[in-house]
C-alpha cells in the first residue's frame, strides 16, 4: 500500500497504521506498507521519490525471506515512512509505487 499524506484523511490513515507518527513542520509523509505477513524476514524500503509533472514516483525495494530461511513465526507488517518537503508535493495529483525492477505495484489519486 502507498499513502501520500497530502490530505487530512491520508495523514490520519498513516497515523492510524503507525501510531505516534508525525510529520515535521513543512513536510509531507510518504508511506509504503508491504501488508501483513505470516513470518518475519519481510521488509520494505523507500529508495527514491521523483517528481514528474503532477505525479510522484515512489521507488521501493521489497525484501522476502529466502527459501529455507529461519524466520520468526509472528505476524509482521513491514512499513517505511519518509517525509518530503511540502513544496515538493504541491500540485501532485497521482502517486505511483514502483519496485526495484520497475514493476508498478500501485497507483493512487492524492487529491
PDB file of N, CA and C in Angstrom:
ATOM      1  N   UNK A   1       0.847  -1.172   0.000  1.00  0.00           N
ATOM      2  CA  UNK A   1       0.000   0.000   0.000  1.00  0.00           C
ATOM      3  C   UNK A   1       0.894   1.238   0.000  1.00  0.00           C
ATOM      4  N   UNK A   2       0.448   2.264  -0.649  1.00  0.00           N
ATOM      5  CA  UNK A   2       1.143   3.549  -0.729  1.00  0.00           C
ATOM      6  C   UNK A   2       0.192   4.631  -0.238  1.00  0.00           C
ATOM      7  N   UNK A   3       0.690   5.495   0.653  1.00  0.00           N
ATOM      8  CA  UNK A   3      -0.098   6.642   1.124  1.00  0.00           C
ATOM      9  C   UNK A   3       0.799   7.872   1.082  1.00  0.00           C
ATOM     10  N   UNK A   4       0.304   8.944   0.487  1.00  0.00           N
ATOM     11  CA  UNK A   4       0.998  10.234   0.487  1.00  0.00           C
ATOM     12  C   UNK A   4       0.143  11.182   1.303  1.00  0.00           C
ATOM     13  N   UNK A   5       0.691  11.698   2.380  1.00  0.00           N
ATOM     14  CA  UNK A   5      -0.068  12.489   3.345  1.00  0.00           C
ATOM     15  C   UNK A   5      -0.331  13.916   2.939  1.00  0.00           C
ATOM     16  N   UNK A   6      -0.963  14.116   1.782  1.00  0.00           N
ATOM     17  CA  UNK A   6      -1.260  15.473   1.323  1.00  0.00           C
ATOM     18  C   UNK A   6      -2.630  15.959   1.792  1.00  0.00           C
ATOM     19  N   UNK A   7      -3.453  15.055   2.315  1.00  0.00           N
ATOM     20  CA  UNK A   7      -4.772  15.442   2.830  1.00  0.00           C
ATOM     21  C   UNK A   7      -4.880  15.023   4.290  1.00  0.00           C
ATOM     22  N   UNK A   8      -5.849  15.613   5.003  1.00  0.00           N
ATOM     23  CA  UNK A   8      -6.064  15.232   6.403  1.00  0.00           C
ATOM     24  C   UNK A   8      -6.388  13.749   6.521  1.00  0.00           C
ATOM     25  N   UNK A   9      -7.196  13.229   5.584  1.00  0.00           N
ATOM     26  CA  UNK A   9      -7.577  11.811   5.627  1.00  0.00           C
ATOM     27  C   UNK A   9      -6.358  10.911   5.423  1.00  0.00           C
ATOM     28  N   UNK A  10      -5.485  11.264   4.509  1.00  0.00           N
ATOM     29  CA  UNK A  10      -4.283  10.462   4.257  1.00  0.00           C
ATOM     30  C   UNK A  10      -3.347  10.495   5.456  1.00  0.00           C
ATOM     31  N   UNK A  11      -3.165  11.675   6.052  1.00  0.00           N
ATOM     32  CA  UNK A  11      -2.318  11.780   7.245  1.00  0.00           C
ATOM     33  C   UNK A  11      -2.893  10.951   8.385  1.00  0.00           C
ATOM     34  N   UNK A  12      -4.213  11.005   8.563  1.00  0.00           N
ATOM     35  CA  UNK A  12      -4.872  10.232   9.624  1.00  0.00           C
ATOM     36  C   UNK A  12      -4.703   8.740   9.392  1.00  0.00           C
ATOM     37  N   UNK A  13      -4.757   8.310   8.149  1.00  0.00           N
ATOM     38  CA  UNK A  13      -4.600   6.887   7.842  1.00  0.00           C
ATOM     39  C   UNK A  13      -3.188   6.412   8.193  1.00  0.00           C
ATOM     40  N   UNK A  14      -2.180   7.214   7.874  1.00  0.00           N
ATOM     41  CA  UNK A  14      -0.799   6.853   8.219  1.00  0.00           C
ATOM     42  C   UNK A  14      -0.660   6.738   9.731  1.00  0.00           C
ATOM     43  N   UNK A  15      -1.167   7.725  10.468  1.00  0.00           N
ATOM     44  CA  UNK A  15      -1.068   7.714  11.927  1.00  0.00           C
ATOM     45  C   UNK A  15      -1.844   6.544  12.519  1.00  0.00           C
ATOM     46  N   UNK A  16      -2.968   6.194  11.921  1.00  0.00           N
ATOM     47  CA  UNK A  16      -3.744   5.050  12.393  1.00  0.00           C
ATOM     48  C   UNK A  16      -2.957   3.747  12.216  1.00  0.00           C
ATOM     49  N   UNK A  17      -2.256   3.624  11.098  1.00  0.00           N
ATOM     50  CA  UNK A  17      -1.488   2.406  10.825  1.00  0.00           C
ATOM     51  C   UNK A  17      -0.166   2.352  11.590  1.00  0.00           C
ATOM     52  N   UNK A  18       0.436   3.520  11.834  1.00  0.00           N
ATOM     53  CA  UNK A  18       1.697   3.598  12.575  1.00  0.00           C
ATOM     54  C   UNK A  18       1.539   4.693  13.635  1.00  0.00           C
ATOM     55  N   UNK A  19       0.984   4.325  14.807  1.00  0.00           N
ATOM     56  CA  UNK A  19       0.739   5.313  15.859  1.00  0.00           C
ATOM     57  C   UNK A  19       2.005   6.087  16.233  1.00  0.00           C
ATOM     58  N   UNK A  20       1.806   7.298  16.707  1.00  0.00           N
ATOM     59  CA  UNK A  20       2.877   8.208  17.128  1.00  0.00           C
ATOM     60  C   UNK A  20       3.719   8.732  15.969  1.00  0.00           C
ATOM     61  N   UNK A  21       3.242   8.574  14.746  1.00  0.00           N
ATOM     62  CA  UNK A  21       3.929   9.129  13.588  1.00  0.00           C
ATOM     63  C   UNK A  21       3.474  10.571  13.408  1.00  0.00           C
ATOM     64  N   UNK A  22       4.426  11.464  13.230  1.00  0.00           N
ATOM     65  CA  UNK A  22       4.096  12.867  12.974  1.00  0.00           C
ATOM     66  C   UNK A  22       4.997  13.383  11.855  1.00  0.00           C
ATOM     67  N   UNK A  23       4.467  14.303  11.099  1.00  0.00           N
ATOM     68  CA  UNK A  23       5.266  14.942  10.048  1.00  0.00           C
ATOM     69  C   UNK A  23       5.866  16.216  10.616  1.00  0.00           C
ATOM     70  N   UNK A  24       7.161  16.394  10.430  1.00  0.00           N
ATOM     71  CA  UNK A  24       7.754  17.663  10.849  1.00  0.00           C
ATOM     72  C   UNK A  24       7.084  18.820  10.109  1.00  0.00           C
ATOM     73  N   UNK A  25       7.114  19.980  10.688  1.00  0.00           N
ATOM     74  CA  UNK A  25       6.506  21.155  10.079  1.00  0.00           C
ATOM     75  C   UNK A  25       7.050  21.369   8.668  1.00  0.00           C
ATOM     76  N   UNK A  26       6.140  21.635   7.737  1.00  0.00           N
ATOM     77  CA  UNK A  26       6.535  21.895   6.358  1.00  0.00           C
ATOM     78  C   UNK A  26       6.891  20.647   5.568  1.00  0.00           C
ATOM     79  N   UNK A  27       6.530  19.472   6.089  1.00  0.00           N
ATOM     80  CA  UNK A  27       6.861  18.210   5.440  1.00  0.00           C
ATOM     81  C   UNK A  27       5.597  17.391   5.183  1.00  0.00           C
ATOM     82  N   UNK A  28       5.652  16.494   4.228  1.00  0.00           N
ATOM     83  CA  UNK A  28       4.563  15.591   3.887  1.00  0.00           C
ATOM     84  C   UNK A  28       5.083  14.163   4.034  1.00  0.00           C
ATOM     85  N   UNK A  29       4.322  13.320   4.715  1.00  0.00           N
ATOM     86  CA  UNK A  29       4.717  11.926   4.887  1.00  0.00           C
ATOM     87  C   UNK A  29       4.390  11.107   3.648  1.00  0.00           C
ATOM     88  N   UNK A  30       5.293  10.210   3.298  1.00  0.00           N
ATOM     89  CA  UNK A  30       5.088   9.231   2.230  1.00  0.00           C
ATOM     90  C   UNK A  30       5.325   7.870   2.873  1.00  0.00           C
ATOM     91  N   UNK A  31       4.321   6.998   2.817  1.00  0.00           N
ATOM     92  CA  UNK A  31       4.403   5.710   3.494  1.00  0.00           C
ATOM     93  C   UNK A  31       4.158   4.566   2.523  1.00  0.00           C
ATOM     94  N   UNK A  32       4.985   3.531   2.642  1.00  0.00           N
ATOM     95  CA  UNK A  32       4.814   2.306   1.857  1.00  0.00           C
ATOM     96  C   UNK A  32       4.674   1.160   2.852  1.00  0.00           C
ATOM     97  N   UNK A  33       3.646   0.357   2.650  1.00  0.00           N
ATOM     98  CA  UNK A  33       3.355  -0.780   3.520  1.00  0.00           C
ATOM     99  C   UNK A  33       3.391  -2.055   2.685  1.00  0.00           C
ATOM    100  N   UNK A  34       4.030  -3.098   3.215  1.00  0.00           N
ATOM    101  CA  UNK A  34       4.100  -4.358   2.485  1.00  0.00           C
ATOM    102  C   UNK A  34       2.899  -5.247   2.780  1.00  0.00           C
ATOM    103  N   UNK A  35       2.118  -4.894   3.776  1.00  0.00           N
ATOM    104  CA  UNK A  35       0.960  -5.700   4.132  1.00  0.00           C
ATOM    105  C   UNK A  35       1.307  -6.725   5.190  1.00  0.00           C
ATOM    106  N   UNK A  36       0.303  -7.342   5.755  1.00  0.00           N
ATOM    107  CA  UNK A  36       0.517  -8.326   6.816  1.00  0.00           C
ATOM    108  C   UNK A  36       1.169  -9.579   6.249  1.00  0.00           C
ATOM    109  N   UNK A  37       2.230 -10.007   6.920  1.00  0.00           N
ATOM    110  CA  UNK A  37       2.962 -11.212   6.540  1.00  0.00           C
ATOM    111  C   UNK A  37       2.892 -12.207   7.698  1.00  0.00           C
ATOM    112  N   UNK A  38       2.976 -13.492   7.397  1.00  0.00           N
ATOM    113  CA  UNK A  38       2.840 -14.525   8.429  1.00  0.00           C
ATOM    114  C   UNK A  38       4.120 -14.808   9.206  1.00  0.00           C
ATOM    115  N   UNK A  39       5.261 -14.310   8.732  1.00  0.00           N
ATOM    116  CA  UNK A  39       6.531 -14.538   9.421  1.00  0.00           C
ATOM    117  C   UNK A  39       7.380 -13.283   9.355  1.00  0.00           C
ATOM    118  N   UNK A  40       8.493 -13.311  10.065  1.00  0.00           N
ATOM    119  CA  UNK A  40       9.494 -12.266   9.938  1.00  0.00           C
ATOM    120  C   UNK A  40      10.248 -12.460   8.628  1.00  0.00           C
ATOM    121  N   UNK A  41      11.228 -11.613   8.383  1.00  0.00           N
ATOM    122  CA  UNK A  41      12.055 -11.740   7.189  1.00  0.00           C
ATOM    123  C   UNK A  41      11.604 -10.888   6.020  1.00  0.00           C
ATOM    124  N   UNK A  42      10.476 -10.218   6.151  1.00  0.00           N
ATOM    125  CA  UNK A  42       9.981  -9.333   5.100  1.00  0.00           C
ATOM    126  C   UNK A  42      10.410  -7.904   5.412  1.00  0.00           C
ATOM    127  N   UNK A  43      10.608  -7.100   4.380  1.00  0.00           N
ATOM    128  CA  UNK A  43      10.991  -5.705   4.597  1.00  0.00           C
ATOM    129  C   UNK A  43      10.576  -4.860   3.403  1.00  0.00           C
ATOM    130  N   UNK A  44      10.492  -3.571   3.642  1.00  0.00           N
ATOM    131  CA  UNK A  44      10.241  -2.610   2.573  1.00  0.00           C
ATOM    132  C   UNK A  44      11.087  -1.384   2.864  1.00  0.00           C
ATOM    133  N   UNK A  45      11.684  -0.816   1.810  1.00  0.00           N
ATOM    134  CA  UNK A  45      12.492   0.388   1.969  1.00  0.00           C
ATOM    135  C   UNK A  45      12.270   1.304   0.774  1.00  0.00           C
ATOM    136  N   UNK A  46      11.857   2.532   1.062  1.00  0.00           N
ATOM    137  CA  UNK A  46      11.728   3.546   0.008  1.00  0.00           C
ATOM    138  C   UNK A  46      13.144   3.953  -0.384  1.00  0.00           C
ATOM    139  N   UNK A  47      13.455   3.840  -1.673  1.00  0.00           N
ATOM    140  CA  UNK A  47      14.811   4.148  -2.134  1.00  0.00           C
ATOM    141  C   UNK A  47      14.903   5.482  -2.868  1.00  0.00           C
ATOM    142  N   UNK A  48      13.789   5.953  -3.416  1.00  0.00           N
ATOM    143  CA  UNK A  48      13.805   7.230  -4.136  1.00  0.00           C
ATOM    144  C   UNK A  48      12.385   7.723  -4.335  1.00  0.00           C
ATOM    145  N   UNK A  49      12.253   9.031  -4.411  1.00  0.00           N
ATOM    146  CA  UNK A  49      10.985   9.666  -4.758  1.00  0.00           C
ATOM    147  C   UNK A  49      11.301  10.716  -5.812  1.00  0.00           C
ATOM    148  N   UNK A  50      10.627  10.611  -6.943  1.00  0.00           N
ATOM    149  CA  UNK A  50      10.874  11.522  -8.052  1.00  0.00           C
ATOM    150  C   UNK A  50       9.577  12.206  -8.450  1.00  0.00           C
ATOM    151  N   UNK A  51       9.689  13.454  -8.822  1.00  0.00           N
ATOM    152  CA  UNK A  51       8.516  14.215  -9.281  1.00  0.00           C
ATOM    153  C   UNK A  51       8.558  14.293 -10.790  1.00  0.00           C
ATOM    154  N   UNK A  52       7.423  13.995 -11.422  1.00  0.00           N
ATOM    155  CA  UNK A  52       7.295  14.109 -12.875  1.00  0.00           C
ATOM    156  C   UNK A  52       5.956  14.773 -13.156  1.00  0.00           C
ATOM    157  N   UNK A  53       5.971  16.073 -13.390  1.00  0.00           N
ATOM    158  CA  UNK A  53       4.725  16.815 -13.597  1.00  0.00           C
ATOM    159  C   UNK A  53       3.869  16.759 -12.352  1.00  0.00           C
ATOM    160  N   UNK A  54       2.647  16.240 -12.488  1.00  0.00           N
ATOM    161  CA  UNK A  54       1.763  16.156 -11.327  1.00  0.00           C
ATOM    162  C   UNK A  54       1.766  14.755 -10.705  1.00  0.00           C
ATOM    163  N   UNK A  55       2.852  14.008 -10.944  1.00  0.00           N
ATOM    164  CA  UNK A  55       2.988  12.665 -10.386  1.00  0.00           C
ATOM    165  C   UNK A  55       4.216  12.564  -9.481  1.00  0.00           C
ATOM    166  N   UNK A  56       4.077  11.750  -8.430  1.00  0.00           N
ATOM    167  CA  UNK A  56       5.219  11.334  -7.621  1.00  0.00           C
ATOM    168  C   UNK A  56       5.460   9.871  -7.949  1.00  0.00           C
ATOM    169  N   UNK A  57       6.687   9.537  -8.259  1.00  0.00           N
ATOM    170  CA  UNK A  57       7.054   8.140  -8.463  1.00  0.00           C
ATOM    171  C   UNK A  57       7.863   7.727  -7.243  1.00  0.00           C
ATOM    172  N   UNK A  58       7.307   6.785  -6.482  1.00  0.00           N
ATOM    173  CA  UNK A  58       7.948   6.295  -5.262  1.00  0.00           C
ATOM    174  C   UNK A  58       8.566   4.948  -5.591  1.00  0.00           C
ATOM    175  N   UNK A  59       9.882   4.871  -5.461  1.00  0.00           N
ATOM    176  CA  UNK A  59      10.596   3.621  -5.732  1.00  0.00           C
ATOM    177  C   UNK A  59      10.912   2.939  -4.405  1.00  0.00           C
ATOM    178  N   UNK A  60      10.666   1.628  -4.369  1.00  0.00           N
ATOM    179  CA  UNK A  60      10.888   0.886  -3.127  1.00  0.00           C
ATOM    180  C   UNK A  60      11.447  -0.496  -3.421  1.00  0.00           C
ATOM    181  N   UNK A  61      12.192  -1.010  -2.452  1.00  0.00           N
ATOM    182  CA  UNK A  61      12.679  -2.391  -2.507  1.00  0.00           C
ATOM    183  C   UNK A  61      11.861  -3.204  -1.519  1.00  0.00           C
ATOM    184  N   UNK A  62      11.413  -4.368  -1.953  1.00  0.00           N
ATOM    185  CA  UNK A  62      10.644  -5.272  -1.107  1.00  0.00           C
ATOM    186  C   UNK A  62      11.478  -6.516  -0.849  1.00  0.00           C
ATOM    187  N   UNK A  63      11.729  -6.795   0.430  1.00  0.00           N
ATOM    188  CA  UNK A  63      12.504  -7.973   0.791  1.00  0.00           C
ATOM    189  C   UNK A  63      11.595  -9.105   1.236  1.00  0.00           C
ATOM    190  N   UNK A  64      11.951 -10.318   0.854  1.00  0.00           N
ATOM    191  CA  UNK A  64      11.224 -11.516   1.277  1.00  0.00           C
ATOM    192  C   UNK A  64      12.255 -12.529   1.765  1.00  0.00           C
ATOM    193  N   UNK A  65      11.862 -13.361   2.720  1.00  0.00           N
ATOM    194  CA  UNK A  65      12.818 -14.358   3.201  1.00  0.00           C
ATOM    195  C   UNK A  65      13.136 -15.368   2.100  1.00  0.00           C
ATOM    196  N   UNK A  66      14.382 -15.796   2.061  1.00  0.00           N
ATOM    197  CA  UNK A  66      14.799 -16.775   1.059  1.00  0.00           C
ATOM    198  C   UNK A  66      14.250 -18.160   1.370  1.00  0.00           C
ATOM    199  N   UNK A  67      14.307 -19.034   0.395  1.00  0.00           N
ATOM    200  CA  UNK A  67      13.842 -20.410   0.609  1.00  0.00           C
ATOM    201  C   UNK A  67      14.607 -21.059   1.767  1.00  0.00           C
ATOM    202  N   UNK A  68      13.883 -21.632   2.704  1.00  0.00           N
ATOM    203  CA  UNK A  68      14.501 -22.308   3.840  1.00  0.00           C
ATOM    204  C   UNK A  68      15.068 -21.383   4.901  1.00  0.00           C
ATOM    205  N   UNK A  69      14.843 -20.074   4.768  1.00  0.00           N
ATOM    206  CA  UNK A  69      15.377 -19.122   5.746  1.00  0.00           C
ATOM    207  C   UNK A  69      14.734 -19.349   7.108  1.00  0.00           C
ATOM    208  N   UNK A  70      15.528 -19.172   8.159  1.00  0.00           N
ATOM    209  CA  UNK A  70      14.983 -19.249   9.512  1.00  0.00           C
ATOM    210  C   UNK A  70      14.379 -17.884   9.839  1.00  0.00           C
ATOM    211  N   UNK A  71      13.095 -17.874  10.107  1.00  0.00           N
ATOM    212  CA  UNK A  71      12.401 -16.624  10.394  1.00  0.00           C
ATOM    213  C   UNK A  71      11.540 -16.796  11.634  1.00  0.00           C
ATOM    214  N   UNK A  72      11.214 -15.687  12.272  1.00  0.00           N
ATOM    215  CA  UNK A  72      10.319 -15.742  13.422  1.00  0.00           C
ATOM    216  C   UNK A  72       8.909 -16.085  12.948  1.00  0.00           C
ATOM    217  N   UNK A  73       8.198 -16.813  13.767  1.00  0.00           N
ATOM    218  CA  UNK A  73       6.822 -17.183  13.439  1.00  0.00           C
ATOM    219  C   UNK A  73       5.888 -16.197  14.147  1.00  0.00           C
ATOM    220  N   UNK A  74       5.753 -15.048  13.546  1.00  0.00           N
ATOM    221  CA  UNK A  74       4.953 -13.972  14.119  1.00  0.00           C
ATOM    222  C   UNK A  74       4.404 -13.127  12.973  1.00  0.00           C
ATOM    223  N   UNK A  75       3.218 -12.595  13.158  1.00  0.00           N
ATOM    224  CA  UNK A  75       2.662 -11.700  12.152  1.00  0.00           C
ATOM    225  C   UNK A  75       3.468 -10.405  12.126  1.00  0.00           C
ATOM    226  N   UNK A  76       3.833  -9.962  10.950  1.00  0.00           N
ATOM    227  CA  UNK A  76       4.549  -8.704  10.797  1.00  0.00           C
ATOM    228  C   UNK A  76       3.846  -7.864   9.740  1.00  0.00           C
ATOM    229  N   UNK A  77       4.093  -6.564   9.768  1.00  0.00           N
ATOM    230  CA  UNK A  77       3.526  -5.639   8.782  1.00  0.00           C
ATOM    231  C   UNK A  77       4.598  -4.619   8.416  1.00  0.00           C
ATOM    232  N   UNK A  78       5.540  -4.998   7.566  1.00  0.00           N
ATOM    233  CA  UNK A  78       6.637  -4.096   7.217  1.00  0.00           C
ATOM    234  C   UNK A  78       6.141  -2.781   6.613  1.00  0.00           C
ATOM    235  N   UNK A  79       6.772  -1.695   7.049  1.00  0.00           N
ATOM    236  CA  UNK A  79       6.416  -0.367   6.558  1.00  0.00           C
ATOM    237  C   UNK A  79       7.660   0.508   6.553  1.00  0.00           C
ATOM    238  N   UNK A  80       7.674   1.501   5.679  1.00  0.00           N
ATOM    239  CA  UNK A  80       8.729   2.512   5.678  1.00  0.00           C
ATOM    240  C   UNK A  80       8.058   3.852   5.407  1.00  0.00           C
ATOM    241  N   UNK A  81       8.352   4.813   6.261  1.00  0.00           N
ATOM    242  CA  UNK A  81       7.769   6.151   6.144  1.00  0.00           C
ATOM    243  C   UNK A  81       8.899   7.160   6.055  1.00  0.00           C
ATOM    244  N   UNK A  82       8.815   8.037   5.075  1.00  0.00           N
ATOM    245  CA  UNK A  82       9.758   9.135   4.925  1.00  0.00           C
ATOM    246  C   UNK A  82       8.964  10.425   4.776  1.00  0.00           C
ATOM    247  N   UNK A  83       9.655  11.548   4.841  1.00  0.00           N
ATOM    248  CA  UNK A  83       8.969  12.817   4.605  1.00  0.00           C
ATOM    249  C   UNK A  83       9.680  13.563   3.482  1.00  0.00           C
ATOM    250  N   UNK A  84       8.885  14.339   2.768  1.00  0.00           N
ATOM    251  CA  UNK A  84       9.420  15.198   1.716  1.00  0.00           C
ATOM    252  C   UNK A  84       8.950  16.620   2.000  1.00  0.00           C
ATOM    253  N   UNK A  85       9.617  17.583   1.425  1.00  0.00           N
ATOM    254  CA  UNK A  85       9.209  18.979   1.603  1.00  0.00           C
ATOM    255  C   UNK A  85       7.797  19.169   1.065  1.00  0.00           C
ATOM    256  N   UNK A  86       6.987  19.913   1.797  1.00  0.00           N
ATOM    257  CA  UNK A  86       5.593  20.140   1.386  1.00  0.00           C
ATOM    258  C   UNK A  86       5.530  20.729  -0.017  1.00  0.00           C
ATOM    259  N   UNK A  87       6.473  21.596  -0.358  1.00  0.00           N
ATOM    260  CA  UNK A  87       6.504  22.187  -1.692  1.00  0.00           C
ATOM    261  C   UNK A  87       6.702  21.162  -2.795  1.00  0.00           C
ATOM    262  N   UNK A  88       7.403  20.079  -2.478  1.00  0.00           N
ATOM    263  CA  UNK A  88       7.622  19.026  -3.472  1.00  0.00           C
ATOM    264  C   UNK A  88       6.357  18.234  -3.752  1.00  0.00           C
ATOM    265  N   UNK A  89       5.367  18.330  -2.864  1.00  0.00           N
ATOM    266  CA  UNK A  89       4.105  17.609  -3.043  1.00  0.00           C
ATOM    267  C   UNK A  89       2.988  18.523  -3.545  1.00  0.00           C
ATOM    268  N   UNK A  90       3.235  19.816  -3.604  1.00  0.00           N
ATOM    269  CA  UNK A  90       2.220  20.757  -4.057  1.00  0.00           C
ATOM    270  C   UNK A  90       1.836  20.470  -5.512  1.00  0.00           C
ATOM    271  N   UNK A  91       0.536  20.317  -5.747  1.00  0.00           N
ATOM    272  CA  UNK A  91       0.046  20.082  -7.095  1.00  0.00           C
ATOM    273  C   UNK A  91       0.116  18.630  -7.545  1.00  0.00           C
ATOM    274  N   UNK A  92       0.600  17.752  -6.691  1.00  0.00           N
ATOM    275  CA  UNK A  92       0.664  16.333  -7.062  1.00  0.00           C
ATOM    276  C   UNK A  92      -0.748  15.766  -7.067  1.00  0.00           C
ATOM    277  N   UNK A  93      -1.111  15.095  -8.125  1.00  0.00           N
ATOM    278  CA  UNK A  93      -2.443  14.506  -8.257  1.00  0.00           C
ATOM    279  C   UNK A  93      -2.412  12.985  -8.190  1.00  0.00           C
ATOM    280  N   UNK A  94      -1.232  12.404  -8.453  1.00  0.00           N
ATOM    281  CA  UNK A  94      -1.148  10.951  -8.504  1.00  0.00           C
ATOM    282  C   UNK A  94       0.221  10.514  -7.990  1.00  0.00           C
ATOM    283  N   UNK A  95       0.244   9.368  -7.305  1.00  0.00           N
ATOM    284  CA  UNK A  95       1.498   8.772  -6.857  1.00  0.00           C
ATOM    285  C   UNK A  95       1.540   7.334  -7.352  1.00  0.00           C
ATOM    286  N   UNK A  96       2.722   6.914  -7.755  1.00  0.00           N
ATOM    287  CA  UNK A  96       2.916   5.581  -8.322  1.00  0.00           C
ATOM    288  C   UNK A  96       3.997   4.877  -7.517  1.00  0.00           C
ATOM    289  N   UNK A  97       3.721   3.658  -7.080  1.00  0.00           N
ATOM    290  CA  UNK A  97       4.683   2.840  -6.354  1.00  0.00           C
ATOM    291  C   UNK A  97       5.302   1.852  -7.330  1.00  0.00           C
ATOM    292  N   UNK A  98       6.633   1.898  -7.430  1.00  0.00           N
ATOM    293  CA  UNK A  98       7.377   1.054  -8.370  1.00  0.00           C
ATOM    294  C   UNK A  98       8.450   0.303  -7.588  1.00  0.00           C
ATOM    295  N   UNK A  99       8.637  -0.989  -7.904  1.00  0.00           N
ATOM    296  CA  UNK A  99       9.681  -1.741  -7.206  1.00  0.00           C
ATOM    297  C   UNK A  99      11.024  -1.573  -7.906  1.00  0.00           C
ATOM    298  N   UNK A 100      12.059  -2.221  -7.374  1.00  0.00           N
ATOM    299  CA  UNK A 100      13.419  -2.039  -7.877  1.00  0.00           C
ATOM    300  C   UNK A 100      13.611  -2.575  -9.291  1.00  0.00           C
ATOM    301  N   UNK A 101      12.683  -3.405  -9.779  1.00  0.00           N
ATOM    302  CA  UNK A 101      12.780  -3.906 -11.153  1.00  0.00           C
ATOM    303  C   UNK A 101      11.969  -3.057 -12.129  1.00  0.00           C
ATOM    304  N   UNK A 102      11.285  -2.023 -11.612  1.00  0.00           N
ATOM    305  CA  UNK A 102      10.486  -1.150 -12.466  1.00  0.00           C
ATOM    306  C   UNK A 102       9.036  -1.554 -12.586  1.00  0.00           C
ATOM    307  N   UNK A 103       8.630  -2.606 -11.870  1.00  0.00           N
ATOM    308  CA  UNK A 103       7.240  -3.061 -11.930  1.00  0.00           C
ATOM    309  C   UNK A 103       6.375  -2.152 -11.065  1.00  0.00           C
ATOM    310  N   UNK A 104       5.276  -1.660 -11.646  1.00  0.00           N
ATOM    311  CA  UNK A 104       4.338  -0.821 -10.902  1.00  0.00           C
ATOM    312  C   UNK A 104       3.477  -1.696  -9.995  1.00  0.00           C
ATOM    313  N   UNK A 105       3.404  -1.303  -8.704  1.00  0.00           N
ATOM    314  CA  UNK A 105       2.612  -2.048  -7.734  1.00  0.00           C
ATOM    315  C   UNK A 105       1.304  -1.350  -7.380  1.00  0.00           C
ATOM    316  N   UNK A 106       1.291  -0.031  -7.484  1.00  0.00           N
ATOM    317  CA  UNK A 106       0.110   0.698  -7.073  1.00  0.00           C
ATOM    318  C   UNK A 106       0.126   2.096  -7.672  1.00  0.00           C
ATOM    319  N   UNK A 107      -1.046   2.614  -7.928  1.00  0.00           N
ATOM    320  CA  UNK A 107      -1.225   3.973  -8.431  1.00  0.00           C
ATOM    321  C   UNK A 107      -2.371   4.568  -7.645  1.00  0.00           C
ATOM    322  N   UNK A 108      -2.160   5.733  -7.018  1.00  0.00           N
ATOM    323  CA  UNK A 108      -3.211   6.342  -6.215  1.00  0.00           C
ATOM    324  C   UNK A 108      -3.437   7.789  -6.607  1.00  0.00           C
ATOM    325  N   UNK A 109      -4.648   8.250  -6.371  1.00  0.00           N
ATOM    326  CA  UNK A 109      -5.022   9.656  -6.511  1.00  0.00           C
ATOM    327  C   UNK A 109      -4.693  10.320  -5.179  1.00  0.00           C
ATOM    328  N   UNK A 110      -3.966  11.421  -5.188  1.00  0.00           N
ATOM    329  CA  UNK A 110      -3.564  12.078  -3.942  1.00  0.00           C
ATOM    330  C   UNK A 110      -4.427  13.273  -3.573  1.00  0.00           C
ATOM    331  N   UNK A 111      -5.440  13.576  -4.359  1.00  0.00           N
ATOM    332  CA  UNK A 111      -6.269  14.752  -4.048  1.00  0.00           C
ATOM    333  C   UNK A 111      -7.567  14.341  -3.411  1.00  0.00           C
TER     334      UNK A 111
END
